[in-house]
Protein backbone atom coordinates (compact mmCIF):
# COMPACT_ATOMS: atom_id res chain seq x y z
CA MET A 1 0.07 0.02 0.07
CA THR A 2 1.41 3.29 -1.13
CA PRO A 3 1.80 6.38 1.37
CA ALA A 4 -1.11 8.15 -0.44
CA THR A 5 -3.38 5.08 -0.20
CA LYS A 6 -2.58 4.92 3.47
CA TRP A 7 -3.42 8.67 4.21
CA ILE A 8 -6.81 8.19 2.34
CA THR A 9 -7.66 5.15 4.50
CA ARG A 10 -6.84 6.88 7.66
CA ALA A 11 -9.00 10.06 6.65
CA SER A 12 -11.89 7.65 5.60
CA ALA A 13 -11.71 5.96 8.96
CA GLY A 14 -12.83 9.47 10.79
CA TYR A 15 -15.39 10.47 7.96
CA ASP A 16 -18.84 10.78 9.50
CA ALA A 17 -21.27 11.03 6.61
CA ALA A 18 -24.25 11.65 8.83
CA ALA A 19 -22.69 14.56 10.53
CA LEU A 20 -21.68 16.06 7.16
CA ARG A 21 -25.30 15.90 5.85
CA SER A 22 -26.49 17.41 9.20
CA ARG A 23 -24.22 20.22 8.93
CA ARG A 24 -25.36 20.99 5.22
CA ARG A 25 -28.93 20.84 6.32
CA THR A 26 -28.16 23.35 9.09
CA THR A 27 -26.55 25.68 6.64
CA ARG A 28 -29.44 25.70 4.31
CA LEU A 29 -31.84 26.39 7.09
CA LEU A 30 -29.93 29.43 7.97
CA ILE A 31 -29.49 30.78 4.50
CA ALA A 32 -33.21 30.46 3.69
CA PRO A 33 -34.20 32.89 6.26
CA ALA A 34 -31.26 35.18 5.71
CA ALA A 35 -32.23 35.49 2.05
CA LEU A 36 -35.80 36.11 2.81
CA GLY A 37 -35.01 38.97 5.27
CA ALA A 38 -32.72 40.48 2.79
CA ALA A 39 -35.48 40.32 0.04
CA MET A 40 -37.96 42.04 2.33
CA LEU A 41 -35.47 44.74 3.28
CA VAL A 42 -35.01 45.38 -0.31
CA LEU A 43 -38.73 45.33 -1.08
CA LEU A 44 -39.33 47.80 1.82
CA ALA A 45 -36.67 50.16 0.80
CA LEU A 46 -37.97 50.27 -2.74
CA ALA A 47 -41.53 51.08 -1.61
CA PRO A 48 -42.36 54.57 -3.02
CA GLY A 49 -43.65 55.82 0.31
CA ALA A 50 -40.75 54.96 2.20
CA MET A 51 -38.20 56.11 -0.37
CA ALA A 52 -39.37 59.94 -0.03
CA ASP A 53 -36.36 61.64 -1.84
CA VAL A 54 -34.10 58.54 -1.20
CA PHE A 55 -31.63 60.37 1.10
CA THR A 56 -33.53 63.36 2.30
CA PRO A 57 -37.05 64.26 3.26
CA GLU A 58 -39.45 65.37 0.55
CA SER A 59 -40.14 68.93 -0.20
CA GLY A 60 -41.70 71.31 -2.70
CA GLY A 61 -45.22 71.34 -1.41
CA SER A 62 -45.21 73.86 1.42
CA PRO A 63 -42.49 76.43 2.90
CA ASN A 64 -42.03 74.37 6.19
CA ALA A 65 -41.36 71.30 4.28
CA ASP A 66 -38.72 73.07 2.35
CA ASP A 67 -37.11 74.32 5.49
CA ILE A 68 -37.08 70.82 6.96
CA ASP A 69 -35.52 69.37 3.76
CA SER A 70 -32.79 72.41 3.68
CA LEU A 71 -32.04 71.88 7.30
CA TYR A 72 -31.58 68.28 6.80
CA LYS A 73 -29.34 68.69 4.01
CA ILE A 74 -27.09 71.15 5.86
CA VAL A 75 -26.51 68.73 8.48
CA LEU A 76 -26.21 65.73 6.18
CA TYR A 77 -23.45 67.56 4.05
CA VAL A 78 -21.56 68.61 7.17
CA SER A 79 -21.66 65.23 8.62
CA ILE A 80 -20.51 63.30 5.48
CA PRO A 81 -16.81 64.46 5.53
CA ILE A 82 -16.63 64.21 9.23
CA PHE A 83 -17.85 60.49 9.01
CA LEU A 84 -15.29 59.86 6.14
CA VAL A 85 -12.33 61.18 8.33
CA VAL A 86 -13.33 59.56 11.40
CA GLU A 87 -13.90 56.25 9.66
CA GLY A 88 -10.90 56.30 7.45
CA ALA A 89 -8.66 57.18 10.33
CA LEU A 90 -10.08 54.17 12.36
CA ILE A 91 -9.64 51.84 9.36
CA TRP A 92 -6.23 53.19 8.86
CA ALA A 93 -5.33 52.66 12.56
CA LEU A 94 -6.76 49.16 12.68
CA VAL A 95 -4.46 48.07 9.59
CA LYS A 96 -1.35 49.71 10.24
CA PHE A 97 -1.20 49.18 13.99
CA ARG A 98 -2.70 45.67 14.17
CA GLN A 99 -0.89 43.12 16.19
CA ARG A 100 1.26 40.83 14.08
CA ARG A 101 2.32 37.32 14.90
CA GLY A 102 5.83 37.37 16.46
CA GLY A 103 5.87 41.11 16.35
CA PRO A 104 6.71 43.53 19.39
CA GLU A 105 4.29 44.45 21.95
CA PRO A 106 2.05 47.57 20.97
CA GLU A 107 3.50 50.66 22.30
CA GLN A 108 1.35 52.37 25.03
CA ILE A 109 0.69 56.02 23.96
CA ARG A 110 -0.81 58.13 26.91
CA GLY A 111 -1.97 60.86 24.68
CA ASN A 112 -1.14 63.93 22.41
CA GLN A 113 -2.46 67.02 24.01
CA PRO A 114 -2.25 69.33 20.94
CA LEU A 115 -4.21 66.81 18.84
CA GLU A 116 -6.96 66.15 21.65
CA LEU A 117 -7.32 69.93 22.07
CA GLY A 118 -7.71 70.54 18.47
CA TRP A 119 -10.25 68.02 17.56
CA THR A 120 -12.11 68.95 20.83
CA ALA A 121 -12.17 72.61 19.77
CA GLY A 122 -13.13 71.75 16.13
CA ALA A 123 -16.08 69.50 17.26
CA THR A 124 -17.39 72.27 19.44
CA VAL A 125 -17.15 74.75 16.60
CA ILE A 126 -19.07 72.56 14.29
CA LEU A 127 -21.67 71.88 16.94
CA VAL A 128 -22.21 75.57 17.72
CA VAL A 129 -22.58 76.49 14.04
CA LEU A 130 -25.06 73.62 13.48
CA ALA A 131 -27.02 74.64 16.53
CA ALA A 132 -27.10 78.36 15.26
CA ILE A 133 -28.40 77.33 11.81
CA THR A 134 -30.87 75.14 13.34
CA PHE A 135 -32.29 77.85 15.53
CA LEU A 136 -32.50 80.18 12.39
CA TYR A 137 -34.74 77.58 10.58
CA LEU A 138 -36.77 76.26 13.64
CA GLY A 139 -38.70 79.73 13.84
CA PRO A 140 -40.20 79.58 10.11
CA ILE A 141 -40.80 75.88 10.43
CA LYS A 142 -42.63 76.17 13.79
CA ASP A 143 -44.32 79.37 13.26
CA PRO A 144 -47.11 79.67 10.50
CA PRO A 145 -46.99 82.64 8.52
CA ALA A 146 -49.95 84.79 7.43
CA SER A 147 -51.98 83.83 4.42
CA ASP A 148 -51.19 85.58 0.84
CA ALA A 149 -53.25 88.40 -0.54
CA ASP A 150 -55.14 86.08 -2.75
CA GLY A 151 -55.82 83.37 0.03
CA LEU A 152 -58.35 83.15 2.46
CA ALA A 153 -58.60 84.54 5.81
CA ALA A 154 -60.58 82.55 8.50
CA GLY A 155 -62.45 80.90 5.44
CA VAL A 156 -63.50 84.27 4.03
CA GLN A 157 -61.94 85.81 0.97
CA VAL A 158 -60.96 89.27 1.74
CA ALA A 159 -58.80 90.57 -1.21
CA SER A 160 -58.17 89.87 -4.76
CA VAL A 161 -54.87 89.11 -6.68
CA ASP A 162 -54.21 92.42 -7.46
CA GLN A 163 -54.72 93.92 -4.29
CA PRO A 164 -51.23 93.59 -2.25
CA ALA A 165 -52.46 95.14 1.04
CA PRO A 166 -55.94 94.00 2.04
CA PRO A 167 -57.89 95.68 4.47
CA GLY A 168 -57.50 94.60 8.06
CA GLY A 169 -53.88 93.74 7.74
CA ALA A 170 -52.49 90.29 7.25
CA LYS A 171 -54.60 87.46 6.79
CA ALA A 172 -55.34 84.85 9.47
CA PRO A 173 -54.49 81.16 8.64
CA LEU A 174 -57.45 78.80 8.13
CA THR A 175 -57.90 76.15 10.75
CA ILE A 176 -59.13 72.56 10.05
CA GLN A 177 -59.72 69.89 12.63
CA VAL A 178 -58.16 66.57 11.82
CA ASN A 179 -59.40 63.43 13.49
CA GLY A 180 -57.89 60.12 13.15
CA GLN A 181 -60.19 57.00 13.45
CA GLN A 182 -59.63 53.40 12.63
CA TYR A 183 -58.74 53.45 9.85
CA LEU A 184 -59.64 56.94 8.25
CA TRP A 185 -59.13 60.70 8.66
CA ARG A 186 -62.12 62.95 9.28
CA PHE A 187 -61.66 66.79 8.32
CA GLN A 188 -63.77 69.39 9.93
CA TYR A 189 -63.67 72.64 8.11
CA PRO A 190 -64.41 76.10 9.59
CA GLY A 191 -67.59 78.10 8.78
CA GLY A 192 -70.30 75.57 9.89
CA ARG A 193 -70.49 72.48 11.84
CA ASP A 194 -71.65 70.41 8.91
CA ALA A 195 -68.80 71.18 6.82
CA TYR A 196 -66.76 67.90 7.13
CA SER A 197 -65.15 65.12 4.69
CA TYR A 198 -63.25 61.82 4.93
CA TYR A 199 -60.03 60.89 3.40
CA ARG A 200 -59.66 63.75 1.12
CA MET A 201 -59.02 67.27 2.50
CA ILE A 202 -59.91 70.27 0.28
CA VAL A 203 -57.74 73.50 1.08
CA PRO A 204 -57.48 76.89 -0.65
CA THR A 205 -53.98 77.77 -2.49
CA ASN A 206 -51.90 80.66 -1.12
CA THR A 207 -53.35 80.12 2.27
CA THR A 208 -51.87 79.20 5.62
CA VAL A 209 -53.67 76.00 6.68
CA ILE A 210 -53.15 75.13 10.33
CA LEU A 211 -54.25 71.57 11.40
CA LYS A 212 -55.33 70.64 14.73
CA ILE A 213 -54.89 66.95 15.03
CA THR A 214 -56.30 64.53 17.54
CA SER A 215 -57.73 60.91 17.72
CA SER A 216 -60.99 58.99 18.70
CA ASP A 217 -59.31 55.74 19.51
CA VAL A 218 -55.81 54.78 19.36
CA ALA A 219 -52.55 56.60 18.29
CA HIS A 220 -52.28 57.64 14.67
CA SER A 221 -49.78 59.72 12.66
CA TRP A 222 -50.65 62.41 10.33
CA TRP A 223 -48.04 62.44 7.44
CA ILE A 224 -48.14 64.04 4.05
CA PRO A 225 -44.32 63.73 2.96
CA LYS A 226 -44.48 66.82 0.69
CA LEU A 227 -46.23 69.22 3.08
CA GLY A 228 -44.05 68.98 6.17
CA GLY A 229 -42.97 66.57 8.89
CA LYS A 230 -45.25 63.98 10.88
CA ALA A 231 -47.70 64.94 13.60
CA ASP A 232 -49.12 62.27 16.12
CA ALA A 233 -52.70 62.16 16.46
CA LEU A 234 -53.31 60.84 20.23
CA PRO A 235 -56.56 60.44 22.13
CA GLY A 236 -57.20 63.33 24.56
CA HIS A 237 -54.36 65.59 23.18
CA THR A 238 -54.27 68.11 20.18
CA ASN A 239 -51.06 68.47 18.19
CA GLN A 240 -50.60 71.16 15.62
CA THR A 241 -48.81 71.42 12.20
CA TRP A 242 -49.31 73.61 9.14
CA PHE A 243 -48.81 73.93 5.54
CA LYS A 244 -49.14 76.66 2.79
CA ILE A 245 -49.44 75.43 -1.01
CA ALA A 246 -48.81 77.87 -3.72
CA LYS A 247 -50.20 75.96 -6.67
CA GLU A 248 -53.28 73.58 -7.12
CA GLY A 249 -52.24 69.99 -6.87
CA THR A 250 -52.88 66.65 -5.06
CA TYR A 251 -50.59 65.50 -2.23
CA LYS A 252 -50.82 62.05 -0.81
CA GLY A 253 -49.97 60.48 2.70
CA GLN A 254 -50.69 57.66 4.98
CA CYS A 255 -50.86 56.94 8.66
CA ALA A 256 -47.13 56.70 9.93
CA GLU A 257 -48.20 54.94 13.31
CA LEU A 258 -49.15 51.11 13.41
CA CYS A 259 -52.51 51.53 14.70
CA GLY A 260 -54.11 48.03 13.97
CA ASP A 261 -54.79 45.55 11.27
CA GLY A 262 -56.41 48.15 8.82
CA HIS A 263 -53.22 50.55 9.28
CA ALA A 264 -52.03 50.09 5.55
CA ASP A 265 -55.36 51.31 4.38
CA MET A 266 -55.34 54.50 6.51
CA ARG A 267 -54.38 56.81 3.74
CA SER A 268 -55.06 60.54 3.04
CA VAL A 269 -55.11 63.26 0.31
CA VAL A 270 -54.67 66.63 0.50
CA LYS A 271 -56.07 68.61 -2.67
CA ALA A 272 -55.21 72.47 -3.21
CA VAL A 273 -57.74 74.23 -5.15
CA SER A 274 -58.44 78.07 -5.77
CA PRO A 275 -59.98 79.93 -3.18
CA GLN A 276 -63.08 80.15 -5.07
CA ARG A 277 -63.42 76.35 -5.58
CA TYR A 278 -62.58 75.83 -2.06
CA GLN A 279 -65.50 78.09 -0.89
CA ALA A 280 -67.91 76.49 -3.33
CA PHE A 281 -66.77 72.84 -2.02
CA VAL A 282 -67.74 74.00 1.79
CA ALA A 283 -70.92 75.32 0.68
CA ARG A 284 -71.85 72.34 -1.17
CA ARG A 285 -70.77 69.97 1.63
CA GLN A 286 -72.86 72.02 4.03
CA ARG A 287 -75.95 71.96 1.65
CA GLU A 288 -75.62 68.12 0.96
CA LEU A 289 -75.13 67.10 4.62
CA THR A 290 -78.18 69.45 5.64
CA ASP A 291 -80.22 67.94 2.86
CA SER A 292 -79.29 64.34 4.03
CA GLN A 293 -80.12 65.22 7.63
CA LYS A 294 -83.60 66.63 6.49
CA ALA A 295 -84.31 63.49 4.56
CA LEU A 296 -83.31 61.21 7.44
CA ALA A 297 -85.73 63.12 9.85
CA GLN A 298 -88.38 62.92 7.39
CA GLN A 299 -87.91 59.18 7.11
CA ARG A 300 -87.98 58.86 10.79
CA ARG A 301 -91.13 60.68 11.04
CA GLU A 302 -92.71 58.64 8.34
CA ARG A 303 -91.72 55.26 10.11
CA GLU A 304 -93.10 56.62 13.33
CA GLY A 305 -96.26 57.46 11.61
CA ALA A 306 -96.54 54.01 10.04
CA SER A 307 -95.76 52.26 13.38
CA LYS A 308 -98.53 54.33 15.20
CA SER A 309 -101.00 53.55 12.42
CA GLY A 310 -100.30 50.02 12.54
CA GLN A 311 -100.82 50.03 16.30
CA GLY A 312 -104.02 51.74 15.89
CA GLU A 313 -105.39 49.03 13.31
CA ASP A 314 -104.37 46.20 15.70
CA ASN A 315 -106.53 47.91 18.51
């Protein structure tokens, strides 16, 4: 028997076919969930609602959304070179000063005072600058401006496009009550208790719209990406946000808080129209809802009359 044959014979003696098959089966069982999880992450990342502007928030629908996007980009662009420098230095140090087999013991370095003072001062300056920029942007993001001259004031049009200084000073914002319910949104318009709609909010252009957001049941989250940040809708509490849309158009969003098994269907739409069309919409909604209430009351009276008539015949 040759030396090679002897080696193969000794190796075969320690071969465990069952253990090898079990190891392969375990490997397949681990790979399948990992591949499924990776595929689900890819699908979630490619979802249009989750992508936004890929790396930054969506904007272009309202001034506060534009300011949020600008502030986010400033912080992002400042952070990218800092991240690259820090991670590059870390990788360089790990590779260059890694422990080598048979090499000398690593040298103990107590510190470099000028270097430590330099990066501490640099980080402080960057933090102060970012804080100052953030506070400059927070005012316009948080505080709603007045409506434009061709917008609405408290639901009533008081100036035309060619009237730059309307009587009574700056126009007041338009306030709409937003109520989250499993699994839809209810919008209450000013100017009458019967003016409300579901799912689709109609607003006038060039008008600052303040939303007072609450919930009737569980926690929801109001989110129209192009019109600003998210605002939680909580039972027993009212949150506020605002937007102002310059051009007619439609903006879509969805509830951003897992609120039950119908959460995925809790979508919403904001449609911006001219002030004239908005006023016509509110008047039409008031008229339709009033007519339906009168028709319902008439049906109830007729049923009560028929019920009394039937009882009289029985007697």
